[in-house]
């Protein structure tokens, strides 16, 4: 949160009330620009002018930049290092997004060191060719005791594979703050998918994931089966995305997942689109979401189902959404009416 101007702190006992003012956004930007400019000159690099301009604009409105997005090709670890030097004096950025900047594992290591010393960072989105080596760096961050509060991690379109997924699953399972994990299109197979489901949602896992997305991998039916086995143990998971993962019409994995949903009370959204799940399995899932689990408000499956079954899925999901809205309205606290003043 941006520092508040004119914040009053009341003293206790004989101490007089003290009025303390937080640093002005314009002053913080000046410190950032000075440190960043010096670091860029020393490295022989050009500043990210659009980012600096945006900081200035926000400062004029007495606001701080809480999210940084960089998609400059060739930015690399050296460019990142200069930026992080400036951000040491601008400790209000909660979200880092780096897209195709050429950072790789070396850049990730720099970000991790920054996060260790700046626990205000809550979300990291890094679409930049991270390998199992980088996953090892992250795993050690998550396993180490400290005050890190990172709760959202996105590593989409990286080549972490099964090895990287297994390393992440070990680290994150020991890390309580993590709420959201996205590993779309990361070349994860059955071994990596099973490791993620087994470790992240075990009874002994410290993390309480609310969202997991593995779209575009090849995790297969084994991963779906393991998730079904673990679903009774999680009370936090709300969103599951296993679209386009080579899940077919094998009865046993689908039945394990169906049984897991029946034993679970937290899942609300499921995406199994682009998997070859047939009419029989879809009909069995309909019995779940149209019966005991009417609280599930999103259930996506392939459009290659028969028109009748696909229409039934859409109909049940829409009914669940309408009921969820009505339920929320019923549970909304009613405003208390003020008492009318008696006329004298």
Protein backbone atom coordinates (compact mmCIF):
# COMPACT_ATOMS: atom_id res chain seq x y z
CA UNK A 1 0.00 0.00 0.00
CA UNK A 2 1.26 3.55 -0.69
CA UNK A 3 2.42 5.46 2.38
CA UNK A 4 -0.26 7.66 3.89
CA UNK A 5 0.31 11.35 4.21
CA UNK A 6 -0.08 12.95 7.59
CA UNK A 7 -0.57 9.70 9.48
CA UNK A 8 -0.99 10.38 13.21
CA UNK A 9 0.53 7.95 15.67
CA UNK A 10 -0.78 8.33 19.20
CA UNK A 11 1.69 7.96 22.04
CA UNK A 12 1.03 6.13 25.26
CA UNK A 13 1.31 7.31 28.84
CA UNK A 14 2.99 10.68 29.14
CA UNK A 15 4.25 10.66 25.56
CA UNK A 16 2.69 13.35 23.43
CA UNK A 17 0.90 12.52 20.22
CA UNK A 18 3.31 12.40 17.29
CA UNK A 19 2.46 13.22 13.74
CA UNK A 20 4.50 11.26 11.22
CA UNK A 21 4.36 11.69 7.50
CA UNK A 22 5.30 8.86 5.15
CA UNK A 23 7.63 9.60 2.24
CA UNK A 24 6.08 11.43 -0.69
CA UNK A 25 5.75 9.38 -3.94
CA UNK A 26 7.69 12.09 -5.83
CA UNK A 27 10.61 11.79 -3.38
CA UNK A 28 10.65 8.00 -3.73
CA UNK A 29 10.71 8.28 -7.53
CA UNK A 30 13.66 10.69 -7.33
CA UNK A 31 15.61 8.20 -5.22
CA UNK A 32 14.74 5.39 -7.63
CA UNK A 33 15.73 7.40 -10.71
CA UNK A 34 19.03 8.45 -9.16
CA UNK A 35 20.02 4.88 -8.22
CA UNK A 36 18.71 3.41 -11.48
CA UNK A 37 20.44 6.03 -13.64
CA UNK A 38 23.78 5.46 -11.91
CA UNK A 39 23.46 1.67 -12.29
CA UNK A 40 22.59 1.98 -15.99
CA UNK A 41 25.55 4.29 -16.64
CA UNK A 42 27.92 1.90 -14.87
CA UNK A 43 26.62 -1.01 -16.97
CA UNK A 44 26.48 1.01 -20.21
CA UNK A 45 22.75 0.38 -20.62
CA UNK A 46 19.73 2.49 -21.54
CA UNK A 47 16.97 3.00 -18.98
CA UNK A 48 13.47 1.62 -19.41
CA UNK A 49 12.04 5.05 -20.22
CA UNK A 50 8.35 4.01 -20.40
CA UNK A 51 8.61 2.56 -16.88
CA UNK A 52 10.25 5.71 -15.48
CA UNK A 53 7.65 7.88 -17.23
CA UNK A 54 4.81 5.85 -15.70
CA UNK A 55 6.36 6.24 -12.25
CA UNK A 56 6.48 10.02 -12.71
CA UNK A 57 2.84 10.12 -13.85
CA UNK A 58 1.70 8.12 -10.83
CA UNK A 59 3.76 10.32 -8.51
CA UNK A 60 1.96 13.41 -9.83
CA UNK A 61 -1.27 11.75 -8.69
CA UNK A 62 0.38 10.91 -5.35
CA UNK A 63 0.32 7.21 -6.23
CA UNK A 64 2.98 4.50 -6.28
CA UNK A 65 3.69 1.86 -8.88
CA UNK A 66 2.74 -1.52 -7.42
CA UNK A 67 3.18 -3.60 -10.59
CA UNK A 68 6.08 -3.70 -13.02
CA UNK A 69 5.78 -5.32 -16.47
CA UNK A 70 8.81 -5.68 -18.74
CA UNK A 71 8.73 -7.26 -22.21
CA UNK A 72 11.85 -5.71 -23.71
CA UNK A 73 13.71 -8.19 -25.90
CA UNK A 74 17.35 -8.58 -24.89
CA UNK A 75 16.76 -6.97 -21.48
CA UNK A 76 18.67 -9.84 -19.91
CA UNK A 77 20.09 -10.37 -16.42
CA UNK A 78 22.27 -7.24 -16.65
CA UNK A 79 19.30 -5.00 -17.43
CA UNK A 80 17.38 -6.65 -14.62
CA UNK A 81 20.21 -6.08 -12.17
CA UNK A 82 20.25 -2.34 -12.85
CA UNK A 83 16.48 -2.16 -12.39
CA UNK A 84 16.64 -4.00 -9.08
CA UNK A 85 19.31 -1.59 -7.82
CA UNK A 86 16.84 1.26 -8.30
CA UNK A 87 13.95 -0.68 -6.76
CA UNK A 88 15.83 -1.14 -3.50
CA UNK A 89 14.85 2.45 -2.71
CA UNK A 90 11.31 2.01 -4.07
CA UNK A 91 10.03 -0.83 -1.95
CA UNK A 92 6.35 -0.84 -2.95
CA UNK A 93 6.23 -3.13 -5.99
CA UNK A 94 3.98 -6.13 -5.24
CA UNK A 95 3.90 -7.72 -8.72
CA UNK A 96 6.73 -8.53 -11.14
CA UNK A 97 5.92 -9.55 -14.75
CA UNK A 98 8.79 -10.36 -17.11
CA UNK A 99 7.84 -11.66 -20.55
CA UNK A 100 10.44 -12.92 -23.04
CA UNK A 101 13.20 -10.66 -21.76
CA UNK A 102 16.03 -13.19 -22.01
CA UNK A 103 16.34 -13.50 -18.23
CA UNK A 104 16.56 -17.28 -17.93
CA UNK A 105 17.70 -18.98 -14.74
CA UNK A 106 20.36 -16.33 -14.04
CA UNK A 107 17.72 -13.59 -14.06
CA UNK A 108 15.44 -15.68 -11.86
CA UNK A 109 18.23 -16.03 -9.30
CA UNK A 110 18.55 -12.23 -9.16
CA UNK A 111 14.80 -11.89 -8.61
CA UNK A 112 14.89 -14.48 -5.83
CA UNK A 113 17.64 -12.60 -4.01
CA UNK A 114 15.60 -9.40 -4.33
CA UNK A 115 12.49 -11.16 -2.97
CA UNK A 116 14.45 -12.46 0.03
CA UNK A 117 15.26 -8.88 1.01
CA UNK A 118 11.93 -7.35 -0.08
CA UNK A 119 9.07 -9.42 1.32
CA UNK A 120 6.48 -7.03 -0.15
CA UNK A 121 6.67 -8.92 -3.47
CA UNK A 122 3.50 -11.03 -3.69
CA UNK A 123 3.31 -12.15 -7.31
CA UNK A 124 5.92 -13.28 -9.86
CA UNK A 125 5.07 -13.89 -13.52
CA UNK A 126 8.08 -15.07 -15.49
CA UNK A 127 7.57 -16.27 -19.07
CA UNK A 128 11.22 -16.58 -19.95
CA UNK A 129 12.64 -20.06 -20.58
CA UNK A 130 13.13 -21.23 -17.02
CA UNK A 131 14.70 -24.70 -16.68
CA UNK A 132 14.84 -27.25 -13.83
CA UNK A 133 17.86 -25.33 -12.53
CA UNK A 134 15.67 -22.28 -11.91
CA UNK A 135 13.02 -24.48 -10.30
CA UNK A 136 15.72 -25.67 -7.91
CA UNK A 137 16.44 -22.04 -6.98
CA UNK A 138 12.74 -21.44 -6.28
CA UNK A 139 12.39 -24.65 -4.30
CA UNK A 140 15.21 -23.60 -1.97
CA UNK A 141 13.56 -20.19 -1.54
CA UNK A 142 10.29 -21.83 -0.51
CA UNK A 143 11.92 -24.35 1.82
CA UNK A 144 14.06 -21.78 3.65
CA UNK A 145 12.56 -20.12 6.73
CA UNK A 146 11.97 -16.40 6.35
CA UNK A 147 9.42 -13.65 5.85
CA UNK A 148 8.85 -14.13 2.10
CA UNK A 149 5.18 -13.58 1.23
CA UNK A 150 5.15 -14.53 -2.48
CA UNK A 151 1.70 -16.08 -3.01
CA UNK A 152 1.36 -16.30 -6.79
CA UNK A 153 3.80 -17.93 -9.24
CA UNK A 154 3.45 -18.12 -13.04
CA UNK A 155 6.12 -19.85 -15.16
CA UNK A 156 4.09 -20.46 -18.34
CA UNK A 157 5.83 -21.40 -21.61
CA UNK A 158 9.03 -22.62 -19.93
CA UNK A 159 10.88 -25.89 -20.37
CA UNK A 160 10.82 -27.01 -16.75
CA UNK A 161 9.62 -30.53 -17.61
CA UNK A 162 9.07 -33.33 -15.09
CA UNK A 163 12.25 -32.58 -13.17
CA UNK A 164 11.38 -28.93 -12.65
CA UNK A 165 7.78 -29.75 -11.70
CA UNK A 166 8.97 -32.26 -9.09
CA UNK A 167 11.40 -29.73 -7.59
CA UNK A 168 8.70 -27.07 -7.39
CA UNK A 169 6.23 -29.48 -5.81
CA UNK A 170 8.69 -30.27 -3.02
CA UNK A 171 9.45 -26.63 -2.27
CA UNK A 172 5.92 -25.27 -2.53
CA UNK A 173 4.46 -28.04 -0.36
CA UNK A 174 6.64 -26.71 2.48
CA UNK A 175 5.62 -23.08 1.84
CA UNK A 176 2.37 -21.88 3.42
CA UNK A 177 1.78 -18.52 1.61
CA UNK A 178 1.42 -19.94 -1.93
CA UNK A 179 -2.14 -19.59 -3.26
CA UNK A 180 -1.83 -19.59 -7.04
CA UNK A 181 0.36 -21.71 -9.37
CA UNK A 182 0.37 -21.58 -13.17
CA UNK A 183 2.61 -23.90 -15.22
CA UNK A 184 0.93 -23.82 -18.61
CA UNK A 185 2.82 -25.22 -21.62
CA UNK A 186 5.88 -26.29 -19.62
CA UNK A 187 6.53 -29.75 -21.15
CA UNK A 188 5.34 -31.50 -17.99
CA UNK A 189 4.53 -35.19 -18.40
CA UNK A 190 2.85 -37.77 -16.21
CA UNK A 191 5.71 -38.02 -13.70
CA UNK A 192 5.80 -34.26 -13.11
CA UNK A 193 2.01 -33.96 -12.97
CA UNK A 194 1.69 -36.78 -10.45
CA UNK A 195 4.45 -35.25 -8.27
CA UNK A 196 2.62 -31.90 -8.24
CA UNK A 197 -0.72 -33.40 -7.22
CA UNK A 198 0.78 -35.80 -4.71
CA UNK A 199 2.92 -33.24 -2.89
CA UNK A 200 0.85 -30.07 -3.13
CA UNK A 201 -2.40 -31.63 -1.94
CA UNK A 202 -1.19 -34.17 0.59
CA UNK A 203 -2.41 -34.10 4.18
CA UNK A 204 1.06 -32.94 5.28
CA UNK A 205 1.36 -30.10 2.74
CA UNK A 206 1.71 -26.67 4.32
CA UNK A 207 0.57 -24.74 1.27
CA UNK A 208 -3.13 -24.09 0.71
CA UNK A 209 -3.34 -23.65 -3.04
CA UNK A 210 -6.55 -22.10 -4.33
CA UNK A 211 -5.70 -22.19 -8.03
CA UNK A 212 -3.66 -24.60 -10.18
CA UNK A 213 -3.31 -24.43 -13.96
CA UNK A 214 -1.38 -26.97 -16.05
CA UNK A 215 -2.96 -26.34 -19.45
CA UNK A 216 -1.08 -27.49 -22.54
CA UNK A 217 1.12 -30.11 -20.89
CA UNK A 218 1.04 -33.90 -21.32
CA UNK A 219 0.24 -34.83 -17.72
CA UNK A 220 -2.21 -37.49 -18.85
CA UNK A 221 -4.80 -39.54 -16.96
CA UNK A 222 -2.30 -40.50 -14.22
CA UNK A 223 -2.26 -36.89 -13.02
CA UNK A 224 -6.05 -36.66 -13.03
CA UNK A 225 -6.23 -39.88 -11.02
CA UNK A 226 -3.73 -38.62 -8.43
CA UNK A 227 -5.61 -35.34 -8.13
CA UNK A 228 -8.82 -37.28 -7.54
CA UNK A 229 -7.08 -39.27 -4.82
CA UNK A 230 -5.87 -36.07 -3.10
CA UNK A 231 -9.02 -33.95 -3.41
CA UNK A 232 -10.51 -35.14 -0.11
CA UNK A 233 -7.45 -33.71 1.69
CA UNK A 234 -7.73 -30.14 0.39
CA UNK A 235 -10.19 -27.56 1.64
CA UNK A 236 -8.71 -24.59 -0.23
CA UNK A 237 -8.46 -25.58 -3.91
CA UNK A 238 -11.14 -23.72 -5.89
CA UNK A 239 -9.92 -23.70 -9.52
CA UNK A 240 -8.47 -26.62 -11.55
CA UNK A 241 -7.26 -26.20 -15.14
CA UNK A 242 -6.11 -29.43 -16.82
CA UNK A 243 -7.20 -28.48 -20.34
CA UNK A 244 -5.26 -30.02 -23.25
CA UNK A 245 -3.36 -32.60 -21.20
CA UNK A 246 -3.82 -35.85 -23.11
CA UNK A 247 -6.57 -37.11 -20.81
CA UNK A 248 -8.68 -39.69 -22.61
CA UNK A 249 -11.72 -41.78 -21.87
CA UNK A 250 -10.03 -44.26 -19.51
CA UNK A 251 -12.62 -45.18 -16.90
CA UNK A 252 -10.45 -45.64 -13.80
CA UNK A 253 -8.77 -42.18 -13.72
CA UNK A 254 -12.06 -40.45 -14.50
CA UNK A 255 -13.86 -42.40 -11.78
CA UNK A 256 -11.13 -41.54 -9.23
CA UNK A 257 -11.49 -37.87 -10.10
CA UNK A 258 -15.30 -38.08 -9.89
CA UNK A 259 -15.07 -39.75 -6.48
CA UNK A 260 -12.60 -37.11 -5.33
CA UNK A 261 -15.02 -34.33 -6.27
CA UNK A 262 -17.75 -36.00 -4.23
CA UNK A 263 -15.46 -36.07 -1.19
CA UNK A 264 -14.35 -32.47 -1.68
CA UNK A 265 -16.18 -29.24 -0.79
CA UNK A 266 -13.88 -26.48 -2.07
CA UNK A 267 -13.53 -26.90 -5.87
CA UNK A 268 -15.77 -24.51 -7.81
CA UNK A 269 -14.26 -24.33 -11.32
CA UNK A 270 -12.90 -27.17 -13.50
CA UNK A 271 -11.48 -26.97 -17.02
CA UNK A 272 -11.01 -30.32 -18.83
CA UNK A 273 -11.46 -28.85 -22.31
CA UNK A 274 -9.40 -30.17 -25.25
CA UNK A 275 -9.23 -33.64 -23.67
CA UNK A 276 -10.94 -36.58 -25.35
CA UNK A 277 -13.49 -37.28 -22.64
CA UNK A 278 -16.54 -39.02 -24.07
CA UNK A 279 -20.27 -38.90 -23.45
CA UNK A 280 -20.24 -41.62 -20.79
CA UNK A 281 -17.73 -39.84 -18.54
CA UNK A 282 -19.35 -36.45 -19.15
CA UNK A 283 -22.73 -37.86 -18.14
CA UNK A 284 -21.23 -39.26 -14.93
CA UNK A 285 -19.73 -35.85 -14.11
CA UNK A 286 -23.14 -34.31 -14.78
CA UNK A 287 -24.57 -36.46 -12.00
CA UNK A 288 -22.02 -34.88 -9.66
CA UNK A 289 -22.30 -31.21 -10.62
CA UNK A 290 -26.05 -31.47 -11.06
CA UNK A 291 -26.45 -33.27 -7.75
CA UNK A 292 -24.23 -33.22 -4.63
CA UNK A 293 -21.82 -30.62 -6.05
CA UNK A 294 -24.17 -27.97 -7.38
CA UNK A 295 -21.72 -25.43 -5.96
CA UNK A 296 -19.43 -26.10 -8.97
CA UNK A 297 -20.10 -23.13 -11.25
CA UNK A 298 -17.66 -23.85 -14.10
CA UNK A 299 -17.12 -27.19 -15.84
CA UNK A 300 -15.54 -27.09 -19.28
CA UNK A 301 -15.32 -30.16 -21.49
CA UNK A 302 -14.61 -30.78 -25.16
CA UNK A 303 -17.17 -29.65 -27.71
CA UNK A 304 -16.71 -33.01 -29.42
CA UNK A 305 -19.28 -34.54 -27.09
CA UNK A 306 -22.64 -35.34 -28.63
CA UNK A 307 -24.75 -32.18 -29.00
CA UNK A 308 -27.25 -33.42 -26.41
CA UNK A 309 -24.69 -34.16 -23.68
CA UNK A 310 -22.75 -30.96 -24.35
CA UNK A 311 -25.98 -28.94 -24.12
CA UNK A 312 -26.83 -30.69 -20.83
CA UNK A 313 -23.43 -29.71 -19.40
CA UNK A 314 -23.97 -26.06 -20.34
CA UNK A 315 -27.49 -26.12 -18.90
CA UNK A 316 -26.43 -27.55 -15.52
CA UNK A 317 -23.48 -25.17 -15.20
CA UNK A 318 -25.68 -22.17 -15.98
CA UNK A 319 -28.22 -23.29 -13.38
CA UNK A 320 -25.44 -23.65 -10.80
CA UNK A 321 -24.19 -20.13 -11.56
CA UNK A 322 -27.67 -18.66 -11.12
CA UNK A 323 -28.13 -20.49 -7.83
CA UNK A 324 -24.68 -19.33 -6.62
CA UNK A 325 -25.65 -15.70 -7.29
CA UNK A 326 -28.96 -16.17 -5.48
CA UNK A 327 -27.22 -17.88 -2.55
CA UNK A 328 -24.72 -15.05 -2.24
CA UNK A 329 -27.58 -12.53 -2.23
CA UNK A 330 -29.39 -14.47 0.50
CA UNK A 331 -26.27 -14.67 2.64
CA UNK A 332 -25.38 -11.01 2.24
CA UNK A 333 -25.66 -9.23 5.60
CA UNK A 334 -28.73 -7.03 5.76
CA UNK A 335 -28.25 -3.38 6.55
CA UNK A 336 -29.60 -2.44 9.91
CA UNK A 337 -32.23 0.22 9.79
CA UNK A 338 -31.49 3.23 11.96
CA UNK A 339 -33.83 3.94 14.81
CA UNK A 340 -36.16 6.84 14.28
CA UNK A 341 -35.61 9.69 16.69
CA UNK A 342 -38.53 10.41 18.91
CA UNK A 343 -40.05 13.81 18.57
CA UNK A 344 -39.80 15.92 21.68
